[in-house]
Amino acid sequence: MSYQVLARKWRPNSFSEVVGQEHVIKALSNALDSNKIHQAYLLSGTSGVGKTTLGRILTKSLNCEEGLKSSPCPKCLSCEAINE
């Protein structure tokens, strides 16, 4: 049995599961759904506010094999690799 850190075990896998940061979630979701992606995104803040979580979800959304959308699938190879 392998040990997994609690922060990774309970990390949200989609924008709908993220608690807090509603303004960031809305901006990223609208950008992905309207297919208007900026050249770069800067996620900043103190530790524990969700920068890495939002970065992982954004990366999955951009690299998902099913296409560019705000809710990435958990099934394709790139989504599984990012989750690992």
N, C-alpha and C. Protein backbone atom coordinates (compact mmCIF):
# COMPACT_ATOMS: atom_id res chain seq x y z
N MET A 1 0.84 -1.17 0.00
CA MET A 1 0.00 0.00 0.00
C MET A 1 0.89 1.24 0.00
N SER A 2 0.69 2.11 -0.96
CA SER A 2 1.51 3.31 -1.07
C SER A 2 0.85 4.47 -0.33
N TYR A 3 1.68 5.31 0.24
CA TYR A 3 1.20 6.47 0.99
C TYR A 3 1.07 7.65 0.06
N GLN A 4 -0.03 8.38 0.17
CA GLN A 4 -0.22 9.58 -0.63
C GLN A 4 -0.49 10.75 0.32
N VAL A 5 0.18 11.84 0.10
CA VAL A 5 0.04 13.02 0.93
C VAL A 5 -1.42 13.50 0.87
N LEU A 6 -1.94 13.95 2.01
CA LEU A 6 -3.34 14.37 2.07
C LEU A 6 -3.65 15.50 1.09
N ALA A 7 -2.71 16.41 0.90
CA ALA A 7 -2.94 17.52 -0.03
C ALA A 7 -3.17 17.02 -1.45
N ARG A 8 -2.52 15.94 -1.84
CA ARG A 8 -2.72 15.38 -3.18
C ARG A 8 -3.91 14.45 -3.22
N LYS A 9 -4.20 13.79 -2.11
CA LYS A 9 -5.33 12.86 -2.06
C LYS A 9 -6.66 13.59 -2.23
N TRP A 10 -6.79 14.75 -1.61
CA TRP A 10 -8.05 15.49 -1.62
C TRP A 10 -8.01 16.71 -2.53
N ARG A 11 -7.02 16.80 -3.41
CA ARG A 11 -6.92 17.95 -4.32
C ARG A 11 -8.06 17.91 -5.35
N PRO A 12 -8.72 19.03 -5.59
CA PRO A 12 -9.80 19.07 -6.60
C PRO A 12 -9.28 18.74 -7.99
N ASN A 13 -10.13 18.10 -8.79
CA ASN A 13 -9.75 17.72 -10.15
C ASN A 13 -10.46 18.52 -11.22
N SER A 14 -11.33 19.42 -10.84
CA SER A 14 -12.01 20.28 -11.80
C SER A 14 -12.30 21.62 -11.14
N PHE A 15 -12.62 22.61 -11.96
CA PHE A 15 -12.90 23.93 -11.43
C PHE A 15 -14.13 23.93 -10.52
N SER A 16 -15.09 23.04 -10.78
CA SER A 16 -16.31 23.01 -9.97
C SER A 16 -16.04 22.50 -8.55
N GLU A 17 -14.95 21.79 -8.33
CA GLU A 17 -14.63 21.25 -7.00
C GLU A 17 -13.81 22.22 -6.15
N VAL A 18 -13.29 23.28 -6.75
CA VAL A 18 -12.43 24.22 -6.02
C VAL A 18 -13.30 25.09 -5.12
N VAL A 19 -12.86 25.25 -3.87
CA VAL A 19 -13.55 26.10 -2.91
C VAL A 19 -12.77 27.40 -2.78
N GLY A 20 -13.45 28.51 -2.91
CA GLY A 20 -12.79 29.81 -2.88
C GLY A 20 -12.24 30.16 -4.26
N GLN A 21 -11.64 31.33 -4.38
CA GLN A 21 -11.05 31.80 -5.63
C GLN A 21 -12.07 31.87 -6.77
N GLU A 22 -13.31 32.27 -6.45
CA GLU A 22 -14.37 32.29 -7.47
C GLU A 22 -14.04 33.19 -8.65
N HIS A 23 -13.39 34.31 -8.39
CA HIS A 23 -13.06 35.25 -9.46
C HIS A 23 -12.04 34.64 -10.44
N VAL A 24 -11.11 33.88 -9.93
CA VAL A 24 -10.10 33.24 -10.79
C VAL A 24 -10.75 32.10 -11.57
N ILE A 25 -11.57 31.32 -10.91
CA ILE A 25 -12.25 30.19 -11.57
C ILE A 25 -13.15 30.69 -12.69
N LYS A 26 -13.89 31.77 -12.43
CA LYS A 26 -14.78 32.32 -13.44
C LYS A 26 -13.99 32.83 -14.64
N ALA A 27 -12.90 33.53 -14.39
CA ALA A 27 -12.10 34.08 -15.48
C ALA A 27 -11.48 32.97 -16.33
N LEU A 28 -10.92 31.95 -15.67
CA LEU A 28 -10.31 30.85 -16.42
C LEU A 28 -11.36 30.02 -17.17
N SER A 29 -12.48 29.74 -16.53
CA SER A 29 -13.54 28.96 -17.19
C SER A 29 -14.09 29.68 -18.40
N ASN A 30 -14.35 30.99 -18.26
CA ASN A 30 -14.86 31.76 -19.40
C ASN A 30 -13.85 31.81 -20.54
N ALA A 31 -12.57 31.94 -20.22
CA ALA A 31 -11.54 31.99 -21.25
C ALA A 31 -11.46 30.65 -21.99
N LEU A 32 -11.55 29.55 -21.24
CA LEU A 32 -11.47 28.23 -21.88
C LEU A 32 -12.71 27.95 -22.73
N ASP A 33 -13.89 28.28 -22.21
CA ASP A 33 -15.13 28.00 -22.93
C ASP A 33 -15.28 28.87 -24.17
N SER A 34 -14.76 30.09 -24.14
CA SER A 34 -14.87 30.96 -25.31
C SER A 34 -13.68 30.83 -26.25
N ASN A 35 -12.73 29.93 -25.90
CA ASN A 35 -11.55 29.66 -26.73
C ASN A 35 -10.70 30.91 -26.93
N LYS A 36 -10.58 31.72 -25.89
CA LYS A 36 -9.75 32.92 -25.92
C LYS A 36 -8.71 32.81 -24.82
N ILE A 37 -7.66 32.06 -25.09
CA ILE A 37 -6.62 31.79 -24.11
C ILE A 37 -5.52 32.84 -24.25
N HIS A 38 -5.08 33.36 -23.12
CA HIS A 38 -3.99 34.34 -23.13
C HIS A 38 -2.65 33.63 -23.27
N GLN A 39 -1.65 34.40 -23.50
CA GLN A 39 -0.31 33.87 -23.72
C GLN A 39 0.30 33.32 -22.44
N ALA A 40 -0.01 33.93 -21.31
CA ALA A 40 0.55 33.50 -20.03
C ALA A 40 -0.42 33.85 -18.91
N TYR A 41 -0.35 33.07 -17.84
CA TYR A 41 -1.14 33.33 -16.64
C TYR A 41 -0.18 33.34 -15.45
N LEU A 42 -0.35 34.32 -14.58
CA LEU A 42 0.48 34.43 -13.39
C LEU A 42 -0.41 34.19 -12.17
N LEU A 43 -0.15 33.09 -11.48
CA LEU A 43 -0.88 32.76 -10.27
C LEU A 43 -0.01 33.12 -9.08
N SER A 44 -0.48 34.05 -8.27
CA SER A 44 0.33 34.49 -7.14
C SER A 44 -0.51 34.50 -5.88
N GLY A 45 0.16 34.49 -4.74
CA GLY A 45 -0.52 34.54 -3.46
C GLY A 45 0.29 33.82 -2.41
N THR A 46 -0.20 33.86 -1.19
CA THR A 46 0.49 33.19 -0.10
C THR A 46 0.31 31.68 -0.22
N SER A 47 1.03 30.95 0.59
CA SER A 47 0.95 29.50 0.50
C SER A 47 -0.42 29.01 0.96
N GLY A 48 -0.94 28.03 0.25
CA GLY A 48 -2.20 27.42 0.63
C GLY A 48 -3.45 28.02 0.02
N VAL A 49 -3.30 28.91 -0.96
CA VAL A 49 -4.49 29.52 -1.55
C VAL A 49 -4.97 28.81 -2.81
N GLY A 50 -4.20 27.83 -3.33
CA GLY A 50 -4.65 27.03 -4.47
C GLY A 50 -3.96 27.31 -5.77
N LYS A 51 -2.78 27.89 -5.75
CA LYS A 51 -2.06 28.19 -7.00
C LYS A 51 -1.73 26.93 -7.77
N THR A 52 -1.19 25.93 -7.09
CA THR A 52 -0.81 24.68 -7.76
C THR A 52 -2.04 23.93 -8.25
N THR A 53 -3.09 23.91 -7.45
CA THR A 53 -4.32 23.23 -7.84
C THR A 53 -4.92 23.86 -9.09
N LEU A 54 -5.02 25.18 -9.12
CA LEU A 54 -5.55 25.86 -10.30
C LEU A 54 -4.64 25.66 -11.50
N GLY A 55 -3.34 25.65 -11.29
CA GLY A 55 -2.39 25.40 -12.37
C GLY A 55 -2.55 24.01 -12.96
N ARG A 56 -2.75 23.01 -12.12
CA ARG A 56 -2.95 21.64 -12.60
C ARG A 56 -4.24 21.50 -13.39
N ILE A 57 -5.32 22.11 -12.89
CA ILE A 57 -6.60 22.03 -13.60
C ILE A 57 -6.52 22.77 -14.92
N LEU A 58 -5.87 23.93 -14.94
CA LEU A 58 -5.70 24.68 -16.18
C LEU A 58 -4.86 23.88 -17.18
N THR A 59 -3.82 23.23 -16.71
CA THR A 59 -2.97 22.42 -17.59
C THR A 59 -3.75 21.25 -18.16
N LYS A 60 -4.56 20.59 -17.33
CA LYS A 60 -5.39 19.50 -17.84
C LYS A 60 -6.38 20.00 -18.88
N SER A 61 -6.97 21.16 -18.65
CA SER A 61 -7.95 21.71 -19.59
C SER A 61 -7.30 22.06 -20.93
N LEU A 62 -6.08 22.57 -20.89
CA LEU A 62 -5.39 22.94 -22.12
C LEU A 62 -4.88 21.73 -22.90
N ASN A 63 -4.49 20.66 -22.20
CA ASN A 63 -3.87 19.50 -22.85
C ASN A 63 -4.81 18.32 -23.03
N CYS A 64 -6.07 18.45 -22.65
CA CYS A 64 -7.01 17.34 -22.73
C CYS A 64 -7.21 16.92 -24.19
N GLU A 65 -7.24 15.63 -24.42
CA GLU A 65 -7.39 15.09 -25.77
C GLU A 65 -8.81 15.27 -26.31
N GLU A 66 -9.78 15.53 -25.44
CA GLU A 66 -11.16 15.73 -25.88
C GLU A 66 -11.41 17.15 -26.38
N GLY A 67 -10.44 18.03 -26.21
CA GLY A 67 -10.57 19.39 -26.71
C GLY A 67 -10.47 20.42 -25.61
N LEU A 68 -10.47 21.65 -26.01
CA LEU A 68 -10.32 22.78 -25.09
C LEU A 68 -11.66 23.09 -24.44
N LYS A 69 -11.77 22.83 -23.14
CA LYS A 69 -12.99 23.13 -22.39
C LYS A 69 -12.64 23.28 -20.92
N SER A 70 -13.55 23.88 -20.16
CA SER A 70 -13.27 24.19 -18.76
C SER A 70 -13.42 22.98 -17.85
N SER A 71 -13.96 21.89 -18.33
CA SER A 71 -14.08 20.67 -17.51
C SER A 71 -13.32 19.53 -18.20
N PRO A 72 -12.07 19.31 -17.81
CA PRO A 72 -11.28 18.27 -18.46
C PRO A 72 -11.77 16.87 -18.09
N CYS A 73 -11.58 15.94 -19.00
CA CYS A 73 -11.96 14.56 -18.72
C CYS A 73 -10.89 13.93 -17.81
N PRO A 74 -11.26 12.97 -17.00
CA PRO A 74 -10.25 12.30 -16.18
C PRO A 74 -9.70 11.04 -16.84
N LYS A 75 -10.06 10.80 -18.11
CA LYS A 75 -9.79 9.50 -18.73
C LYS A 75 -8.63 9.47 -19.72
N CYS A 76 -8.37 10.57 -20.40
CA CYS A 76 -7.36 10.53 -21.46
C CYS A 76 -5.95 10.42 -20.86
N LEU A 77 -4.99 10.09 -21.69
CA LEU A 77 -3.63 9.85 -21.22
C LEU A 77 -3.00 11.11 -20.60
N SER A 78 -3.22 12.26 -21.22
CA SER A 78 -2.60 13.47 -20.68
C SER A 78 -3.23 13.87 -19.34
N CYS A 79 -4.53 13.71 -19.18
CA CYS A 79 -5.16 14.02 -17.89
C CYS A 79 -4.69 13.08 -16.79
N GLU A 80 -4.57 11.80 -17.12
CA GLU A 80 -4.07 10.84 -16.15
C GLU A 80 -2.62 11.13 -15.76
N ALA A 81 -1.82 11.52 -16.73
CA ALA A 81 -0.42 11.84 -16.45
C ALA A 81 -0.30 13.07 -15.55
N ILE A 82 -1.13 14.07 -15.77
CA ILE A 82 -1.09 15.28 -14.95
C ILE A 82 -1.57 14.95 -13.53
N ASN A 83 -2.55 14.07 -13.40
CA ASN A 83 -3.03 13.68 -12.08
C ASN A 83 -1.97 12.92 -11.29
N GLU A 84 -1.14 12.17 -11.98
CA GLU A 84 -0.08 11.42 -11.31
C GLU A 84 1.01 12.35 -10.84
